[in-house]
Amino acid sequence: MSARFLLLFFVLILSACGTESNLSAQKQALGKQLFFDPILSNNRTQSCSTCHNPDFGFIDNRDNGVGSAASLGDDGKSLGDRNTPSAAYAMLSPNFHFDKKNQQWIGGQFLDGREQDLKGQAGGPPLNPVEMNMSNKQTLVNRFKNHPIYNTQFKDIYGDAIFNDADKAYAAMAQSIAEFEKTKFFAPFDSKYDRYLAGKYELTDSEDLGRSLFFSNNNTNCATCHQLKKSDDAQGETFSNYEYHNIGVPINTALRTKNGVKTIDKGLLNNPKVNDAKQKGKFRTPSLRNIAITAPYMHNGVFKDLTTVIAFYDKYIDKNRTINPETNQPWATAEVPETINFDDLKKGKKLSDKKVTALVDFLKTLTDKRYEHFLKVN
């Protein structure tokens, strides 16, 4: 093979890589515009960022009359029944699949994994009647087609014929948003914990105690579900194994009073790909990144404070922890009691109030640097 041929070969490879890189950047730029544009909603009142506000950990920080437990739709009256998950670090959830070895459903997007990946997730809200409430794909595609900037961008990236097929154009929109959600803007990995691993931050005594408790199988069972990597000092830890479990969360009666929902939330069993009754009431384990600033908690936003969440877990071990500190009433019964994962929930040792505080302090160290100003100083 001649040197001239090799040189030409490498030039072609580099050119192809450059073209691919440029195309990816174009998709990300388009996705960024779409993410912040209310054009995606029927009344043009909401964008993706309305319910995934980057200034507040990519959650819906609006009160919506329900203490931020669920999102308000584009029509100004429809309320969801689940707490909107953060879009931060969502790129790291694996595609929805069944792990035959562990006999577990894993990954996906939304709390029940009903969309396999970010592209599927991005395509859901515009057509959801209680979210963005667009009547159909063609109506939204027409908006892009008649928009002087989007018309050009879509054609430059996806070809001149992109608007000839509404399904393909809609998929292009979803793919572009997904590409934007894969950028470092959503997953900077620059929290105090990340800086601690890099030797650039020293944990306080309470934070260090919380870290030890979190990763200790003898004291707590946190890491069983909230650790992806095998080492407790691994870079890029998302603090979720993305499995599905029922931990006995009670109904959010205040939310149900507002949204009028009467049915039981079946969780994973609502996923069209799942038909095993044993999956009823299970929800995907969330990442704990930014958990300290993304209240309220649980799939239905039933708990307002992170300390309450730790106490809720501890009640399965400490039989004296019978009172919900937010209501000053006994813990409410589970919405779906028959599939609670008692095997994992009852592992570990009961926690003193000091240890509860230490765990909360450690979880605060998982907050991205740009949100640290939200943290309460003890």
Protein backbone atom coordinates (compact mmCIF):
# COMPACT_ATOMS: atom_id res chain seq x y z
CA MET A 1 0.00 0.00 0.00
CA SER A 2 1.55 3.32 -1.08
CA ALA A 3 2.21 6.23 1.27
CA ARG A 4 0.02 8.40 -0.96
CA PHE A 5 -2.91 6.00 -0.59
CA LEU A 6 -2.48 5.85 3.19
CA LEU A 7 -2.42 9.63 3.40
CA LEU A 8 -5.59 9.87 1.32
CA PHE A 9 -7.21 7.19 3.49
CA PHE A 10 -6.49 9.05 6.72
CA VAL A 11 -7.65 12.35 5.24
CA LEU A 12 -10.97 10.74 4.35
CA ILE A 13 -11.32 9.26 7.85
CA LEU A 14 -10.56 12.58 9.52
CA SER A 15 -12.96 14.34 7.19
CA ALA A 16 -15.73 11.87 8.01
CA CYS A 17 -15.09 12.26 11.75
CA GLY A 18 -15.15 16.02 11.39
CA THR A 19 -18.42 15.89 9.48
CA GLU A 20 -19.97 13.58 12.06
CA SER A 21 -18.77 15.80 14.90
CA ASN A 22 -20.16 18.89 13.20
CA LEU A 23 -23.49 17.17 12.59
CA SER A 24 -23.67 16.19 16.26
CA ALA A 25 -22.97 19.78 17.28
CA GLN A 26 -25.73 20.98 14.95
CA LYS A 27 -28.21 18.55 16.49
CA GLN A 28 -27.23 19.68 19.98
CA ALA A 29 -27.66 23.34 19.01
CA LEU A 30 -31.09 22.64 17.53
CA GLY A 31 -32.01 20.58 20.58
CA LYS A 32 -31.00 23.41 22.86
CA GLN A 33 -33.25 25.85 21.04
CA LEU A 34 -36.15 23.42 21.12
CA PHE A 35 -35.62 22.63 24.82
CA PHE A 36 -36.24 26.27 25.74
CA ASP A 37 -38.92 27.03 23.15
CA PRO A 38 -42.65 27.04 24.09
CA ILE A 39 -43.45 26.32 20.46
CA LEU A 40 -43.69 22.68 21.55
CA SER A 41 -46.87 23.31 23.55
CA ASN A 42 -50.39 23.88 22.26
CA ASN A 43 -50.87 27.33 23.78
CA ARG A 44 -47.17 28.18 23.53
CA THR A 45 -46.95 28.57 27.30
CA GLN A 46 -44.48 25.77 28.09
CA SER A 47 -41.14 24.48 26.96
CA CYS A 48 -39.18 21.45 28.15
CA SER A 49 -37.39 23.80 30.54
CA THR A 50 -40.68 24.72 32.22
CA CYS A 51 -40.82 21.32 33.92
CA HIS A 52 -37.05 20.73 33.76
CA ASN A 53 -35.71 24.11 34.81
CA PRO A 54 -31.89 24.14 34.59
CA ASP A 55 -31.75 26.85 37.24
CA PHE A 56 -33.27 24.45 39.77
CA GLY A 57 -31.67 21.08 39.09
CA PHE A 58 -33.80 20.40 35.99
CA ILE A 59 -37.02 19.91 37.96
CA ASP A 60 -40.34 21.75 37.91
CA ASN A 61 -39.76 24.38 40.60
CA ARG A 62 -43.27 25.84 40.22
CA ASP A 63 -45.61 25.26 43.15
CA ASN A 64 -48.56 24.45 40.88
CA GLY A 65 -50.87 24.53 43.91
CA VAL A 66 -49.53 21.18 45.11
CA GLY A 67 -46.18 22.05 46.65
CA SER A 68 -44.36 21.13 43.42
CA ALA A 69 -45.49 17.50 43.76
CA ALA A 70 -46.67 17.40 40.14
CA SER A 71 -46.55 19.57 37.04
CA LEU A 72 -49.26 21.81 35.66
CA GLY A 73 -50.15 21.35 32.00
CA ASP A 74 -50.19 23.83 29.12
CA ASP A 75 -53.95 24.26 29.52
CA GLY A 76 -53.39 25.83 32.95
CA LYS A 77 -55.53 23.31 34.81
CA SER A 78 -54.35 19.74 34.17
CA LEU A 79 -52.22 18.27 36.96
CA GLY A 80 -50.12 15.16 36.67
CA ASP A 81 -50.03 12.43 39.30
CA ARG A 82 -46.28 11.94 39.53
CA ASN A 83 -43.41 14.16 40.55
CA THR A 84 -41.46 15.29 37.49
CA PRO A 85 -38.05 13.58 37.50
CA SER A 86 -34.94 15.69 37.07
CA ALA A 87 -33.49 15.66 33.57
CA ALA A 88 -29.99 16.01 35.03
CA TYR A 89 -27.86 12.90 34.51
CA ALA A 90 -30.82 11.22 32.75
CA MET A 91 -28.49 10.43 29.84
CA LEU A 92 -26.79 7.83 32.03
CA SER A 93 -29.86 5.67 32.56
CA PRO A 94 -29.38 2.60 30.35
CA ASN A 95 -31.96 1.74 27.72
CA PHE A 96 -34.95 -0.08 29.20
CA HIS A 97 -34.32 -3.83 29.29
CA PHE A 98 -34.78 -6.97 31.34
CA ASP A 99 -31.66 -8.30 33.05
CA LYS A 100 -32.07 -12.08 32.95
CA LYS A 101 -29.18 -12.67 35.34
CA ASN A 102 -30.63 -10.53 38.12
CA GLN A 103 -34.25 -10.97 37.02
CA GLN A 104 -34.74 -7.22 37.09
CA TRP A 105 -36.16 -4.61 34.75
CA ILE A 106 -33.57 -1.86 34.41
CA GLY A 107 -33.27 1.63 33.01
CA GLY A 108 -35.38 3.55 30.58
CA GLN A 109 -36.91 6.99 30.97
CA PHE A 110 -39.89 8.18 33.02
CA LEU A 111 -40.52 6.63 36.43
CA ASP A 112 -41.97 3.48 34.88
CA GLY A 113 -39.42 3.16 32.07
CA ARG A 114 -42.10 3.33 29.42
CA GLU A 115 -39.71 5.05 27.02
CA GLN A 116 -36.55 3.17 26.24
CA ASP A 117 -34.25 6.15 25.85
CA LEU A 118 -33.92 9.95 25.87
CA LYS A 119 -35.26 10.27 22.34
CA GLY A 120 -38.44 8.48 23.36
CA GLN A 121 -38.75 10.60 26.47
CA ALA A 122 -38.35 13.85 24.54
CA GLY A 123 -41.14 12.85 22.21
CA GLY A 124 -43.65 12.16 24.95
CA PRO A 125 -44.65 15.49 26.56
CA PRO A 126 -45.71 17.47 23.45
CA LEU A 127 -48.49 14.98 22.67
CA ASN A 128 -49.52 14.31 26.27
CA PRO A 129 -52.90 15.99 26.94
CA VAL A 130 -52.01 16.82 30.55
CA GLU A 131 -48.62 18.23 29.55
CA MET A 132 -48.00 20.19 26.34
CA ASN A 133 -51.27 19.05 24.77
CA MET A 134 -50.42 19.21 21.06
CA SER A 135 -53.20 17.57 19.04
CA ASN A 136 -50.91 15.54 16.78
CA LYS A 137 -47.42 15.34 15.30
CA GLN A 138 -48.34 17.07 12.05
CA THR A 139 -49.54 20.20 13.84
CA LEU A 140 -46.22 20.60 15.60
CA VAL A 141 -44.22 19.74 12.49
CA ASN A 142 -46.12 22.46 10.60
CA ARG A 143 -44.93 24.95 13.18
CA PHE A 144 -41.33 23.98 12.48
CA LYS A 145 -41.92 24.03 8.72
CA ASN A 146 -43.37 27.54 8.85
CA HIS A 147 -40.68 28.85 11.19
CA PRO A 148 -37.90 30.60 9.23
CA ILE A 149 -35.09 29.39 11.50
CA TYR A 150 -36.31 25.89 12.31
CA ASN A 151 -37.19 25.26 8.67
CA THR A 152 -33.58 25.86 7.69
CA GLN A 153 -32.04 24.02 10.63
CA PHE A 154 -34.12 20.87 10.20
CA LYS A 155 -33.33 20.73 6.49
CA ASP A 156 -29.61 21.38 7.00
CA ILE A 157 -29.36 18.54 9.51
CA TYR A 158 -31.92 16.00 8.35
CA GLY A 159 -32.28 16.75 4.65
CA ASP A 160 -34.55 18.84 2.43
CA ALA A 161 -37.31 16.22 2.49
CA ILE A 162 -37.57 16.05 6.29
CA PHE A 163 -40.97 17.79 6.43
CA ASN A 164 -42.52 15.40 3.89
CA ASP A 165 -43.06 12.83 6.66
CA ALA A 166 -44.51 14.03 9.96
CA ASP A 167 -43.29 10.96 11.85
CA LYS A 168 -39.72 11.45 10.65
CA ALA A 169 -39.75 15.18 11.36
CA TYR A 170 -41.18 14.60 14.83
CA ALA A 171 -38.51 11.96 15.49
CA ALA A 172 -35.86 14.44 14.36
CA MET A 173 -37.17 16.95 16.89
CA ALA A 174 -36.99 14.33 19.67
CA GLN A 175 -33.53 13.18 18.63
CA SER A 176 -32.19 16.74 18.64
CA ILE A 177 -33.48 17.38 22.16
CA ALA A 178 -32.00 14.05 23.27
CA GLU A 179 -28.61 15.03 21.84
CA PHE A 180 -28.71 18.27 23.81
CA GLU A 181 -29.60 16.33 26.97
CA LYS A 182 -26.46 14.25 26.49
CA THR A 183 -24.18 17.27 26.89
CA LYS A 184 -22.14 18.16 29.96
CA PHE A 185 -24.66 20.92 30.69
CA PHE A 186 -26.87 18.19 32.18
CA ALA A 187 -24.13 16.18 33.90
CA PRO A 188 -21.12 18.24 34.99
CA PHE A 189 -19.93 15.89 37.79
CA ASP A 190 -18.49 18.84 39.72
CA SER A 191 -20.11 18.45 43.16
CA LYS A 192 -18.23 18.52 46.45
CA TYR A 193 -18.22 14.72 46.32
CA ASP A 194 -16.57 14.76 42.90
CA ARG A 195 -14.07 17.32 44.13
CA TYR A 196 -13.44 15.15 47.19
CA LEU A 197 -12.62 12.19 44.94
CA ALA A 198 -10.24 14.43 42.99
CA GLY A 199 -8.52 15.57 46.20
CA LYS A 200 -9.88 19.10 45.87
CA TYR A 201 -12.34 19.11 48.78
CA GLU A 202 -12.16 17.79 52.34
CA LEU A 203 -15.35 16.36 53.73
CA THR A 204 -16.59 17.63 57.07
CA ASP A 205 -16.83 15.12 59.92
CA SER A 206 -20.58 14.79 59.41
CA GLU A 207 -20.29 14.44 55.62
CA ASP A 208 -17.58 11.80 56.03
CA LEU A 209 -19.68 9.87 58.55
CA GLY A 210 -22.59 10.03 56.11
CA ARG A 211 -20.39 8.74 53.30
CA SER A 212 -19.23 5.82 55.44
CA LEU A 213 -22.80 4.98 56.42
CA PHE A 214 -24.05 5.26 52.85
CA PHE A 215 -21.56 2.76 51.46
CA SER A 216 -21.57 0.44 54.49
CA ASN A 217 -23.64 -2.72 54.09
CA ASN A 218 -23.39 -3.29 57.82
CA ASN A 219 -25.07 -0.01 58.77
CA THR A 220 -27.39 0.96 55.93
CA ASN A 221 -28.61 -0.54 52.70
CA CYS A 222 -28.41 2.67 50.64
CA ALA A 223 -25.77 1.47 48.22
CA THR A 224 -27.71 -1.66 47.27
CA CYS A 225 -29.94 0.43 45.01
CA HIS A 226 -28.09 3.74 44.88
CA GLN A 227 -24.70 2.65 43.61
CA LEU A 228 -23.95 1.86 39.98
CA LYS A 229 -20.20 1.28 40.08
CA LYS A 230 -18.55 -1.42 42.20
CA SER A 231 -16.12 0.90 43.97
CA ASP A 232 -17.24 3.52 46.48
CA ASP A 233 -14.63 5.97 45.18
CA ALA A 234 -15.31 5.66 41.46
CA GLN A 235 -15.54 8.75 39.30
CA GLY A 236 -18.81 9.27 37.46
CA GLU A 237 -21.05 7.55 40.00
CA THR A 238 -24.73 8.34 39.38
CA PHE A 239 -26.00 6.85 42.66
CA SER A 240 -28.58 4.58 41.07
CA ASN A 241 -28.52 1.03 39.75
CA TYR A 242 -31.66 1.95 37.74
CA GLU A 243 -33.60 -1.07 39.00
CA TYR A 244 -37.29 -0.98 39.94
CA HIS A 245 -38.51 -1.42 43.51
CA ASN A 246 -41.55 -0.82 45.66
CA ILE A 247 -40.48 0.80 48.92
CA GLY A 248 -43.97 1.30 50.32
CA VAL A 249 -44.56 4.94 49.46
CA PRO A 250 -48.00 6.15 50.60
CA ILE A 251 -50.55 7.97 48.46
CA ASN A 252 -50.07 11.72 48.20
CA THR A 253 -53.60 12.54 49.32
CA ALA A 254 -53.10 16.30 48.97
CA LEU A 255 -52.14 15.85 45.31
CA ARG A 256 -54.98 13.42 44.62
CA THR A 257 -57.44 15.90 46.12
CA LYS A 258 -56.29 18.46 43.56
CA ASN A 259 -55.93 16.32 40.44
CA GLY A 260 -58.92 14.07 41.07
CA VAL A 261 -57.08 10.82 40.31
CA LYS A 262 -58.79 7.84 41.96
CA THR A 263 -56.84 4.90 40.58
CA ILE A 264 -53.83 3.16 42.09
CA ASP A 265 -50.53 4.01 40.44
CA LYS A 266 -49.24 0.63 39.27
CA GLY A 267 -45.77 1.96 38.51
CA LEU A 268 -43.74 -0.42 36.36
CA LEU A 269 -46.85 -2.45 35.60
CA ASN A 270 -48.15 0.56 33.64
CA ASN A 271 -45.29 0.05 31.19
CA PRO A 272 -46.72 -1.60 28.04
CA LYS A 273 -43.72 -3.95 27.90
CA VAL A 274 -44.41 -5.35 31.38
CA ASN A 275 -47.26 -7.71 32.22
CA ASP A 276 -46.00 -9.38 35.41
CA ALA A 277 -48.29 -8.52 38.36
CA LYS A 278 -45.27 -8.79 40.68
CA GLN A 279 -44.00 -5.50 39.19
CA LYS A 280 -47.01 -3.55 40.42
CA GLY A 281 -46.08 -0.46 42.42
CA LYS A 282 -42.40 -0.54 41.52
CA PHE A 283 -40.62 2.60 40.33
CA ARG A 284 -37.20 3.22 38.85
CA THR A 285 -34.53 4.02 41.41
CA PRO A 286 -33.62 7.68 40.84
CA SER A 287 -30.14 9.11 40.71
CA LEU A 288 -29.27 10.94 43.93
CA ARG A 289 -27.39 13.65 42.07
CA ASN A 290 -28.74 17.06 43.22
CA ILE A 291 -31.19 15.28 45.53
CA ALA A 292 -30.78 17.90 48.26
CA ILE A 293 -32.18 20.68 46.06
CA THR A 294 -34.83 18.79 44.09
CA ALA A 295 -37.60 18.35 46.66
CA PRO A 296 -40.29 17.07 47.01
CA TYR A 297 -39.45 13.39 47.06
CA MET A 298 -40.70 9.97 45.97
CA HIS A 299 -42.52 9.25 42.73
CA ASN A 300 -45.52 11.30 43.86
CA GLY A 301 -43.78 14.08 45.80
CA VAL A 302 -45.35 12.95 49.07
CA PHE A 303 -42.37 13.96 51.25
CA LYS A 304 -41.09 17.52 51.43
CA ASP A 305 -37.84 17.07 53.34
CA LEU A 306 -34.81 14.85 52.78
CA THR A 307 -34.62 14.06 56.50
CA THR A 308 -38.13 12.63 56.25
CA VAL A 309 -37.02 10.34 53.43
CA ILE A 310 -34.18 8.91 55.55
CA ALA A 311 -36.54 8.49 58.50
CA PHE A 312 -39.03 6.73 56.22
CA TYR A 313 -36.44 4.14 55.24
CA ASP A 314 -35.31 3.78 58.84
CA LYS A 315 -38.82 2.98 60.05
CA TYR A 316 -38.50 -0.47 58.47
CA ILE A 317 -35.65 -1.20 60.89
CA ASP A 318 -36.34 1.04 63.91
CA LYS A 319 -39.79 0.13 65.20
CA ASN A 320 -39.74 3.23 67.44
CA ARG A 321 -39.66 5.53 64.41
CA THR A 322 -43.42 5.48 63.99
CA ILE A 323 -44.23 9.14 63.32
CA ASN A 324 -43.91 11.06 60.07
CA PRO A 325 -42.11 14.27 61.15
CA GLU A 326 -43.92 16.29 58.48
CA THR A 327 -47.43 15.37 59.60
CA ASN A 328 -46.80 14.42 63.24
CA GLN A 329 -49.03 11.44 62.47
CA PRO A 330 -48.19 7.74 62.09
CA TRP A 331 -46.73 6.82 58.72
CA ALA A 332 -49.49 6.33 56.16
CA THR A 333 -49.96 2.91 54.61
CA ALA A 334 -48.37 2.03 51.27
CA GLU A 335 -50.29 2.67 48.08
CA VAL A 336 -49.31 -0.81 46.84
CA PRO A 337 -48.58 -2.97 49.91
CA GLU A 338 -48.39 -6.37 48.22
CA THR A 339 -45.03 -5.97 46.43
CA ILE A 340 -42.97 -4.02 48.99
CA ASN A 341 -39.31 -5.05 48.91
CA PHE A 342 -38.99 -5.91 52.60
CA ASP A 343 -35.92 -8.09 51.97
CA ASP A 344 -33.78 -5.06 51.18
CA LEU A 345 -35.61 -2.50 53.28
CA LYS A 346 -35.08 -4.43 56.51
CA LYS A 347 -31.34 -4.83 56.07
CA GLY A 348 -28.94 -2.71 58.08
CA LYS A 349 -29.07 -1.15 61.53
CA LYS A 350 -31.37 1.48 62.93
CA LEU A 351 -30.12 5.03 62.72
CA SER A 352 -29.67 7.58 65.45
CA ASP A 353 -30.74 11.14 64.69
CA LYS A 354 -27.06 12.01 64.39
CA LYS A 355 -26.60 9.40 61.69
CA VAL A 356 -29.72 10.57 59.86
CA THR A 357 -28.25 14.07 59.81
CA ALA A 358 -24.90 12.72 58.62
CA LEU A 359 -26.55 10.90 55.72
CA VAL A 360 -28.37 14.07 54.72
CA ASP A 361 -25.12 16.04 54.93
CA PHE A 362 -23.43 13.51 52.66
CA LEU A 363 -26.28 13.65 50.15
CA LYS A 364 -25.86 17.42 50.04
CA THR A 365 -22.32 16.88 48.73
CA LEU A 366 -23.85 15.37 45.57
CA THR A 367 -25.12 18.81 44.53
CA ASP A 368 -23.69 20.28 41.32
CA LYS A 369 -21.48 23.29 41.99
CA ARG A 370 -23.86 25.76 40.34
CA TYR A 371 -26.62 24.82 42.83
CA GLU A 372 -24.59 24.85 46.04
CA HIS A 373 -25.94 28.27 46.96
CA PHE A 374 -29.34 26.61 47.52
CA LEU A 375 -28.04 24.39 50.31
CA LYS A 376 -29.06 25.23 53.82
CA VAL A 377 -26.19 25.76 56.24
CA ASN A 378 -26.62 23.76 59.45
